[in-house]
């Protein structure tokens, strides 16, 4: 696929024709993300809505006056900078505003569905509900123009990644443990290389192969999102990869704890194995709970270490993608890298550096919950947008099943390599077995 230039409308772009953009989408995402972070740091800190329910918390708690007021305040905080960003991208603002509110409501519904105790116990995250809602609407009703105007997937994804940087703290990465970081590096490098090689052998195009390899090797949905942005990928392919991640994660989440018990693995080794293999954070926690405290903690340590590699991976992938796609272009390598490099990655790295080294610990602690909530809202809006623009038929027929085969093959390799790494690093072979109780 030929990479889009910054001024080429994305698929489904409903921007006003003939009106030049003030900024490209990457810089706009940096500005919108920075504005959100700045507002929070300046004291605009509404309470986030309570979306967990089930048991003693009934569904009525979701629509209580207080909870709806919290939701409204978060809506205003997210949408004010987003509307300004849409204007920079020459959107039809009067259509974008009601559409963005509608997307927020659908994203809120997806989070509420994931907040149900039964869904949480199964590791079902909001992304699968957001995608399902978008797909259901797209296949059952005619989507109004004002809602399609607001379905700007890449703007929400890239802005969400900038905000995500504010929650990636260097000290916590180090605190997660050298063993977890070492396992993450070994697994990511080996599994990514194998998965990409396998996908290319199966004649999967480079763009989709890169997203598949990152999703398998790093951390599933979040890695696929970051990779899609880094290589300026097709969001329809991102939807396909995300669907694979979520569908495959469910049986693995159930089977791996059982397999670990059957093999007689120590809890710490089992947890490290799960944390490095499962592709969603909720699935890691849910499966880890079946292994006891030590197993759960090991799973979380390894998962956190892999999540922390998102920014590094996005940076390296962007450079690699720019270099390998410069055929026929004039100019120095540095110029070409700068031209193709996704600028939102700078926003991610700067936000991480600011919150790691430039702010007081108390400020970081006070703002983390809200920033995490804002990132979740943006990602949920992005996945509703993906569903609104995706055909289920294309998911079934994509590449004659070759991409799905590549993903499953990469995941099988991931299971084996991660087990070997977990046993070597957490099983007492190379160093003393860590106490993670």
Protein backbone atom coordinates (compact mmCIF):
# COMPACT_ATOMS: atom_id res chain seq x y z
CA UNK A 1 0.00 0.00 0.00
CA UNK A 2 1.34 3.44 -0.86
CA UNK A 3 1.77 5.53 2.29
CA UNK A 4 -0.51 8.54 2.53
CA UNK A 5 0.97 11.99 2.62
CA UNK A 6 -0.01 14.21 5.52
CA UNK A 7 -2.52 16.07 3.38
CA UNK A 8 -4.18 13.02 1.82
CA UNK A 9 -7.55 12.31 3.44
CA UNK A 10 -7.80 9.02 5.26
CA UNK A 11 -10.43 6.49 4.22
CA UNK A 12 -13.78 7.85 5.32
CA UNK A 13 -12.42 11.39 5.72
CA UNK A 14 -15.39 13.72 5.44
CA UNK A 15 -13.43 16.95 5.70
CA UNK A 16 -14.58 19.92 3.70
CA UNK A 17 -13.09 19.58 0.21
CA UNK A 18 -10.79 22.26 -1.14
CA UNK A 19 -9.97 23.70 2.30
CA UNK A 20 -6.32 23.17 3.26
CA UNK A 21 -5.56 21.78 6.69
CA UNK A 22 -3.87 24.11 9.13
CA UNK A 23 -1.86 21.22 10.58
CA UNK A 24 -1.54 17.54 9.79
CA UNK A 25 -3.19 14.92 11.98
CA UNK A 26 -0.06 14.00 13.94
CA UNK A 27 0.69 17.55 15.07
CA UNK A 28 -2.99 18.12 15.77
CA UNK A 29 -3.04 15.04 18.03
CA UNK A 30 0.01 16.37 19.89
CA UNK A 31 -1.72 19.72 20.42
CA UNK A 32 -4.99 18.16 21.56
CA UNK A 33 -3.22 15.71 23.85
CA UNK A 34 -1.01 18.44 25.28
CA UNK A 35 -4.07 20.62 25.87
CA UNK A 36 -5.80 17.83 27.78
CA UNK A 37 -2.73 17.21 29.93
CA UNK A 38 -2.28 20.95 30.53
CA UNK A 39 -5.89 21.40 31.60
CA UNK A 40 -5.53 18.57 34.12
CA UNK A 41 -2.26 19.98 35.48
CA UNK A 42 -3.86 23.44 35.77
CA UNK A 43 -6.55 22.01 38.03
CA UNK A 44 -9.39 21.00 35.70
CA UNK A 45 -9.95 17.66 37.39
CA UNK A 46 -13.53 16.42 37.30
CA UNK A 47 -14.31 13.20 39.10
CA UNK A 48 -14.46 10.29 36.68
CA UNK A 49 -17.74 8.37 36.45
CA UNK A 50 -18.09 5.08 38.31
CA UNK A 51 -18.62 2.39 35.70
CA UNK A 52 -18.03 -0.76 37.74
CA UNK A 53 -21.25 -2.53 38.68
CA UNK A 54 -22.71 -5.92 39.50
CA UNK A 55 -23.53 -7.52 42.82
CA UNK A 56 -24.36 -4.81 45.33
CA UNK A 57 -23.80 -2.09 42.72
CA UNK A 58 -26.86 -2.23 40.46
CA UNK A 59 -27.19 -0.85 36.97
CA UNK A 60 -29.13 2.05 38.48
CA UNK A 61 -25.85 3.36 39.91
CA UNK A 62 -24.61 3.97 36.37
CA UNK A 63 -27.41 6.44 35.60
CA UNK A 64 -27.61 8.17 38.98
CA UNK A 65 -27.60 11.95 38.92
CA UNK A 66 -24.10 12.14 40.38
CA UNK A 67 -22.66 9.65 37.89
CA UNK A 68 -24.27 11.37 34.92
CA UNK A 69 -22.93 14.72 36.14
CA UNK A 70 -19.43 13.24 36.31
CA UNK A 71 -19.83 11.85 32.79
CA UNK A 72 -20.95 15.24 31.49
CA UNK A 73 -17.94 16.99 33.00
CA UNK A 74 -15.54 14.47 31.46
CA UNK A 75 -17.34 14.90 28.13
CA UNK A 76 -16.69 18.65 28.19
CA UNK A 77 -13.04 18.14 29.16
CA UNK A 78 -12.40 15.69 26.31
CA UNK A 79 -14.47 17.32 23.61
CA UNK A 80 -13.38 20.95 24.01
CA UNK A 81 -9.81 20.32 22.77
CA UNK A 82 -11.07 17.65 20.33
CA UNK A 83 -13.41 20.13 18.63
CA UNK A 84 -10.55 22.60 18.28
CA UNK A 85 -8.43 19.83 16.78
CA UNK A 86 -11.18 18.88 14.36
CA UNK A 87 -11.36 22.51 13.22
CA UNK A 88 -7.62 22.41 12.49
CA UNK A 89 -8.29 19.32 10.36
CA UNK A 90 -10.94 21.29 8.37
CA UNK A 91 -13.84 19.27 9.76
CA UNK A 92 -17.41 20.53 9.51
CA UNK A 93 -17.54 21.63 13.13
CA UNK A 94 -21.32 22.02 13.37
CA UNK A 95 -21.68 18.36 12.36
CA UNK A 96 -18.65 17.21 14.33
CA UNK A 97 -19.90 18.45 17.71
CA UNK A 98 -23.13 16.39 17.92
CA UNK A 99 -21.32 13.46 16.32
CA UNK A 100 -18.53 13.60 18.92
CA UNK A 101 -21.10 13.73 21.72
CA UNK A 102 -22.80 10.68 20.20
CA UNK A 103 -19.47 8.85 20.00
CA UNK A 104 -18.77 9.71 23.63
CA UNK A 105 -22.13 8.23 24.66
CA UNK A 106 -21.39 5.03 22.75
CA UNK A 107 -17.88 4.90 24.26
CA UNK A 108 -19.42 5.39 27.72
CA UNK A 109 -21.80 2.49 27.02
CA UNK A 110 -18.86 0.26 26.00
CA UNK A 111 -17.03 1.09 29.24
CA UNK A 112 -20.16 0.42 31.27
CA UNK A 113 -20.59 -2.98 29.62
CA UNK A 114 -16.96 -3.82 30.42
CA UNK A 115 -17.53 -2.58 33.98
CA UNK A 116 -20.04 -5.34 34.67
CA UNK A 117 -18.55 -7.75 37.20
CA UNK A 118 -19.20 -10.77 34.99
CA UNK A 119 -17.44 -9.20 32.00
CA UNK A 120 -14.51 -8.10 34.16
CA UNK A 121 -14.13 -11.63 35.54
CA UNK A 122 -13.78 -12.93 31.98
CA UNK A 123 -11.20 -10.29 31.08
CA UNK A 124 -13.50 -8.61 28.55
CA UNK A 125 -12.19 -5.09 28.07
CA UNK A 126 -13.96 -2.00 26.82
CA UNK A 127 -12.27 -2.19 23.41
CA UNK A 128 -14.17 -5.31 22.40
CA UNK A 129 -17.50 -3.75 23.41
CA UNK A 130 -16.66 -0.47 21.64
CA UNK A 131 -15.78 -2.32 18.46
CA UNK A 132 -18.90 -4.50 18.74
CA UNK A 133 -21.16 -1.47 19.20
CA UNK A 134 -19.71 0.22 16.13
CA UNK A 135 -19.98 -2.94 14.04
CA UNK A 136 -23.55 -3.58 15.16
CA UNK A 137 -24.66 -0.07 14.20
CA UNK A 138 -22.78 -0.20 10.91
CA UNK A 139 -24.50 -3.44 9.90
CA UNK A 140 -28.03 -2.67 11.08
CA UNK A 141 -28.77 1.02 10.53
CA UNK A 142 -27.82 3.86 8.23
CA UNK A 143 -25.15 5.91 9.97
CA UNK A 144 -26.07 9.62 9.85
CA UNK A 145 -23.59 12.02 8.29
CA UNK A 146 -23.04 13.96 11.52
CA UNK A 147 -21.92 10.78 13.30
CA UNK A 148 -19.60 9.79 10.45
CA UNK A 149 -18.15 13.31 10.53
CA UNK A 150 -16.98 12.69 14.09
CA UNK A 151 -15.66 9.16 13.43
CA UNK A 152 -12.04 10.30 13.16
CA UNK A 153 -10.31 7.18 14.40
CA UNK A 154 -6.71 8.27 13.98
CA UNK A 155 -7.19 11.59 15.77
CA UNK A 156 -8.58 9.80 18.84
CA UNK A 157 -5.95 7.06 18.74
CA UNK A 158 -3.00 9.41 18.39
CA UNK A 159 -4.32 11.83 21.01
CA UNK A 160 -4.91 8.90 23.37
CA UNK A 161 -1.32 7.75 22.89
CA UNK A 162 -0.01 11.21 23.78
CA UNK A 163 -2.06 11.09 26.98
CA UNK A 164 -0.86 7.52 27.58
CA UNK A 165 2.69 8.87 27.80
CA UNK A 166 1.74 10.74 30.96
CA UNK A 167 1.08 7.43 32.72
CA UNK A 168 4.32 5.68 31.67
CA UNK A 169 6.68 6.55 34.54
CA UNK A 170 10.37 5.65 34.29
CA UNK A 171 10.82 4.85 37.97
CA UNK A 172 7.91 2.40 37.87
CA UNK A 173 9.34 0.66 34.81
CA UNK A 174 12.59 0.10 36.68
CA UNK A 175 10.66 -0.81 39.81
CA UNK A 176 8.83 -3.51 37.88
CA UNK A 177 11.99 -5.54 38.13
CA UNK A 178 15.03 -6.24 36.02
CA UNK A 179 13.85 -9.78 35.37
CA UNK A 180 10.53 -8.60 33.96
CA UNK A 181 12.23 -6.06 31.71
CA UNK A 182 14.79 -8.62 30.53
CA UNK A 183 12.07 -11.16 29.72
CA UNK A 184 10.07 -8.49 27.91
CA UNK A 185 13.04 -7.53 25.72
CA UNK A 186 13.91 -11.13 24.87
CA UNK A 187 10.34 -12.08 24.07
CA UNK A 188 9.49 -8.94 22.10
CA UNK A 189 12.56 -9.13 19.86
CA UNK A 190 12.36 -12.85 19.12
CA UNK A 191 8.58 -13.09 18.74
CA UNK A 192 8.34 -9.94 16.62
CA UNK A 193 11.03 -11.18 14.23
CA UNK A 194 9.43 -14.62 13.89
CA UNK A 195 5.90 -13.30 13.50
CA UNK A 196 6.92 -10.79 10.83
CA UNK A 197 8.91 -13.45 8.98
CA UNK A 198 6.01 -15.90 9.10
CA UNK A 199 3.51 -13.29 7.90
CA UNK A 200 5.71 -12.36 4.96
CA UNK A 201 6.20 -16.05 4.09
CA UNK A 202 2.41 -16.32 3.97
CA UNK A 203 2.32 -13.33 1.56
CA UNK A 204 0.80 -10.90 4.05
CA UNK A 205 1.61 -7.31 3.06
CA UNK A 206 4.28 -5.47 5.06
CA UNK A 207 1.85 -3.06 6.73
CA UNK A 208 -0.46 -5.74 8.09
CA UNK A 209 2.49 -8.02 8.92
CA UNK A 210 4.06 -5.25 11.03
CA UNK A 211 0.83 -4.69 12.99
CA UNK A 212 0.34 -8.43 13.51
CA UNK A 213 3.92 -8.91 14.72
CA UNK A 214 3.67 -6.01 17.17
CA UNK A 215 0.31 -7.16 18.54
CA UNK A 216 1.62 -10.69 19.17
CA UNK A 217 4.98 -9.71 20.62
CA UNK A 218 4.44 -6.54 22.66
CA UNK A 219 1.05 -6.04 24.25
CA UNK A 220 -1.83 -6.71 21.95
CA UNK A 221 -4.31 -3.92 21.27
CA UNK A 222 -2.18 -1.03 22.57
CA UNK A 223 0.83 -2.17 20.53
CA UNK A 224 -1.30 -2.55 17.40
CA UNK A 225 -2.62 0.99 17.89
CA UNK A 226 0.86 2.45 18.38
CA UNK A 227 2.24 0.54 15.40
CA UNK A 228 -0.60 1.62 13.13
CA UNK A 229 0.17 5.22 14.01
CA UNK A 230 3.92 4.81 13.68
CA UNK A 231 3.72 3.43 10.14
CA UNK A 232 0.67 5.51 9.12
CA UNK A 233 -1.25 2.29 8.61
CA UNK A 234 -4.76 1.57 7.40
CA UNK A 235 -7.19 1.61 10.32
CA UNK A 236 -9.24 -1.15 8.66
CA UNK A 237 -6.23 -3.40 9.08
CA UNK A 238 -5.95 -2.20 12.68
CA UNK A 239 -9.56 -3.28 13.22
CA UNK A 240 -8.74 -6.71 11.81
CA UNK A 241 -5.70 -7.15 14.07
CA UNK A 242 -7.62 -5.96 17.12
CA UNK A 243 -10.39 -8.46 16.45
CA UNK A 244 -7.84 -11.28 16.23
CA UNK A 245 -6.19 -10.20 19.49
CA UNK A 246 -9.44 -10.13 21.42
CA UNK A 247 -10.85 -13.37 20.01
CA UNK A 248 -7.64 -15.36 20.56
CA UNK A 249 -7.04 -13.95 24.04
CA UNK A 250 -10.18 -15.54 25.48
CA UNK A 251 -9.39 -19.28 25.06
CA UNK A 252 -5.72 -18.71 25.90
CA UNK A 253 -6.72 -16.95 29.13
CA UNK A 254 -8.72 -20.00 30.18
CA UNK A 255 -6.31 -22.70 28.99
CA UNK A 256 -2.94 -21.32 30.12
CA UNK A 257 -3.53 -21.41 33.92
CA UNK A 258 -4.83 -24.98 33.53
CA UNK A 259 -1.78 -25.93 31.45
CA UNK A 260 0.57 -24.35 33.99
CA UNK A 261 -1.01 -26.40 36.78
CA UNK A 262 -0.88 -29.56 34.69
CA UNK A 263 2.86 -29.05 34.06
CA UNK A 264 3.51 -28.38 37.75
CA UNK A 265 5.08 -24.97 37.13
CA UNK A 266 5.87 -22.77 40.15
CA UNK A 267 3.36 -19.94 40.55
CA UNK A 268 5.96 -17.27 39.79
CA UNK A 269 6.99 -18.97 36.55
CA UNK A 270 3.34 -19.48 35.58
CA UNK A 271 2.60 -15.81 36.17
CA UNK A 272 5.60 -14.66 34.13
CA UNK A 273 4.48 -16.98 31.34
CA UNK A 274 0.94 -15.60 31.33
CA UNK A 275 2.09 -11.99 31.61
CA UNK A 276 4.33 -12.34 28.59
CA UNK A 277 1.83 -14.25 26.44
CA UNK A 278 -1.64 -12.82 27.00
CA UNK A 279 -2.32 -9.76 24.87
CA UNK A 280 -4.70 -7.75 27.07
CA UNK A 281 -4.07 -6.39 30.55
CA UNK A 282 -7.47 -7.48 31.85
CA UNK A 283 -6.85 -11.02 30.66
CA UNK A 284 -3.48 -11.04 32.45
CA UNK A 285 -5.02 -9.96 35.74
CA UNK A 286 -7.98 -12.34 35.42
CA UNK A 287 -5.78 -15.32 34.61
CA UNK A 288 -3.21 -14.31 37.22
CA UNK A 289 -5.86 -14.41 39.93
CA UNK A 290 -6.09 -18.16 39.33
CA UNK A 291 -2.42 -18.55 40.29
CA UNK A 292 -2.37 -16.91 43.71
CA UNK A 293 -0.61 -13.74 44.85
CA UNK A 294 2.87 -14.63 43.62
CA UNK A 295 1.63 -15.74 40.21
CA UNK A 296 -0.59 -12.71 39.76
CA UNK A 297 2.19 -10.31 40.78
CA UNK A 298 4.67 -11.93 38.40
CA UNK A 299 2.14 -11.70 35.58
CA UNK A 300 1.55 -8.00 36.27
CA UNK A 301 5.29 -7.24 36.51
CA UNK A 302 5.99 -8.82 33.13
CA UNK A 303 2.94 -7.23 31.51
CA UNK A 304 3.91 -3.78 32.81
CA UNK A 305 7.42 -4.26 31.43
CA UNK A 306 6.05 -5.12 27.99
CA UNK A 307 3.60 -2.21 28.08
CA UNK A 308 6.49 0.12 28.84
CA UNK A 309 8.13 -0.85 25.56
CA UNK A 310 5.31 0.69 23.50
CA UNK A 311 7.01 4.07 23.10
CA UNK A 312 10.42 2.58 22.30
CA UNK A 313 8.88 0.16 19.82
CA UNK A 314 6.86 2.90 18.11
CA UNK A 315 9.97 5.04 17.73
CA UNK A 316 12.08 2.22 16.29
CA UNK A 317 9.30 1.03 13.98
CA UNK A 318 8.78 4.55 12.66
CA UNK A 319 12.47 4.92 11.83
CA UNK A 320 12.62 1.44 10.27
CA UNK A 321 9.46 2.03 8.23
CA UNK A 322 10.73 5.38 6.95
CA UNK A 323 14.06 3.93 5.89
CA UNK A 324 12.65 0.90 4.09
CA UNK A 325 10.05 2.98 2.21
CA UNK A 326 12.29 5.70 0.82
CA UNK A 327 12.67 4.10 -2.62
CA UNK A 328 12.54 6.73 -5.34
CA UNK A 329 12.56 9.62 -2.87
CA UNK A 330 15.13 12.40 -2.90
CA UNK A 331 16.79 13.87 0.14
CA UNK A 332 18.87 12.69 3.06
CA UNK A 333 17.90 9.81 5.28
CA UNK A 334 17.42 12.21 8.18
CA UNK A 335 15.03 14.34 6.12
CA UNK A 336 13.06 11.30 5.02
CA UNK A 337 12.84 9.96 8.57
CA UNK A 338 11.60 13.34 9.81
CA UNK A 339 9.06 13.56 6.98
CA UNK A 340 7.61 10.12 7.66
CA UNK A 341 8.11 9.96 11.42
CA UNK A 342 4.79 10.06 13.32
CA UNK A 343 5.01 13.29 15.28
CA UNK A 344 2.58 12.09 17.94
CA UNK A 345 5.35 9.78 19.20
CA UNK A 346 7.22 12.92 20.29
CA UNK A 347 4.15 13.92 22.26
CA UNK A 348 4.11 10.49 23.93
CA UNK A 349 7.81 10.67 24.83
CA UNK A 350 7.65 14.27 26.06
CA UNK A 351 4.62 13.50 28.23
CA UNK A 352 6.40 10.48 29.71
CA UNK A 353 9.56 12.54 30.37
CA UNK A 354 7.56 15.36 31.99
CA UNK A 355 5.68 13.06 34.35
CA UNK A 356 8.78 10.96 35.07
CA UNK A 357 11.27 13.74 35.79
CA UNK A 358 9.60 17.16 35.71
CA UNK A 359 6.69 16.95 38.14
CA UNK A 360 6.35 16.28 41.84
CA UNK A 361 5.36 12.75 42.80
CA UNK A 362 2.21 14.08 44.44
CA UNK A 363 1.09 15.72 41.21
CA UNK A 364 1.73 12.54 39.23
CA UNK A 365 -0.28 10.51 41.73
CA UNK A 366 -3.15 13.00 41.87
CA UNK A 367 -3.57 13.20 38.10
CA UNK A 368 -2.96 9.59 37.08
CA UNK A 369 -6.50 8.32 37.56
CA UNK A 370 -8.08 11.11 35.53
CA UNK A 371 -5.49 10.92 32.73
CA UNK A 372 -5.98 7.17 32.53
CA UNK A 373 -9.72 7.75 32.28
CA UNK A 374 -9.28 10.33 29.50
CA UNK A 375 -7.04 7.95 27.55
CA UNK A 376 -9.64 5.20 27.93
CA UNK A 377 -12.39 7.49 26.63
CA UNK A 378 -10.33 8.44 23.57
CA UNK A 379 -9.48 4.82 22.77
CA UNK A 380 -13.11 3.77 23.25
CA UNK A 381 -14.24 6.51 20.84
CA UNK A 382 -11.60 5.32 18.38
CA UNK A 383 -12.82 1.73 18.46
CA UNK A 384 -16.45 2.72 18.08
CA UNK A 385 -15.30 4.72 15.03
CA UNK A 386 -13.45 1.69 13.65
CA UNK A 387 -16.59 -0.41 13.99
CA UNK A 388 -18.63 2.23 12.19
CA UNK A 389 -16.26 2.00 9.22
CA UNK A 390 -15.58 -1.76 9.14
CA UNK A 391 -17.36 -4.52 7.25
CA UNK A 392 -17.54 -7.89 9.00
CA UNK A 393 -17.31 -9.58 5.63
CA UNK A 394 -13.86 -8.10 5.10
CA UNK A 395 -12.71 -9.46 8.45
CA UNK A 396 -13.68 -12.98 7.41
CA UNK A 397 -12.21 -12.84 3.91
CA UNK A 398 -9.08 -10.75 4.49
CA UNK A 399 -6.12 -12.27 2.71
CA UNK A 400 -7.78 -15.65 2.27
CA UNK A 401 -7.15 -16.43 5.95
CA UNK A 402 -3.37 -15.98 5.66
CA UNK A 403 -3.11 -13.09 8.16
CA UNK A 404 -5.09 -15.09 10.74
CA UNK A 405 -2.80 -18.08 10.17
CA UNK A 406 0.24 -15.85 10.63
CA UNK A 407 -1.20 -14.45 13.85
CA UNK A 408 -1.93 -17.89 15.28
CA UNK A 409 1.50 -19.16 14.27
CA UNK A 410 3.16 -16.17 15.92
CA UNK A 411 1.08 -16.69 19.05
CA UNK A 412 2.08 -20.37 19.22
CA UNK A 413 5.74 -19.37 18.93
CA UNK A 414 5.13 -16.72 21.60
CA UNK A 415 3.74 -19.32 24.01
CA UNK A 416 6.82 -21.51 23.63
CA UNK A 417 9.47 -18.77 23.76
CA UNK A 418 7.83 -16.99 26.70
CA UNK A 419 7.62 -20.24 28.68
CA UNK A 420 11.35 -20.83 28.12
CA UNK A 421 12.20 -17.25 29.11
CA UNK A 422 9.93 -17.34 32.18
CA UNK A 423 11.42 -20.64 33.34
CA UNK A 424 15.00 -19.41 32.83
CA UNK A 425 14.54 -16.01 34.50
CA UNK A 426 11.89 -16.68 37.16
CA UNK A 427 12.46 -20.38 37.80
CA UNK A 428 15.79 -20.05 39.60
CA UNK A 429 18.00 -21.29 36.77
CA UNK A 430 20.00 -18.10 36.21
CA UNK A 431 19.25 -16.18 39.42
CA UNK A 432 17.47 -16.93 42.66
CA UNK A 433 13.72 -17.26 42.27
CA UNK A 434 12.19 -13.85 43.17
CA UNK A 435 9.78 -13.52 46.08
CA UNK A 436 6.71 -11.76 44.67
CA UNK A 437 4.17 -12.61 47.34
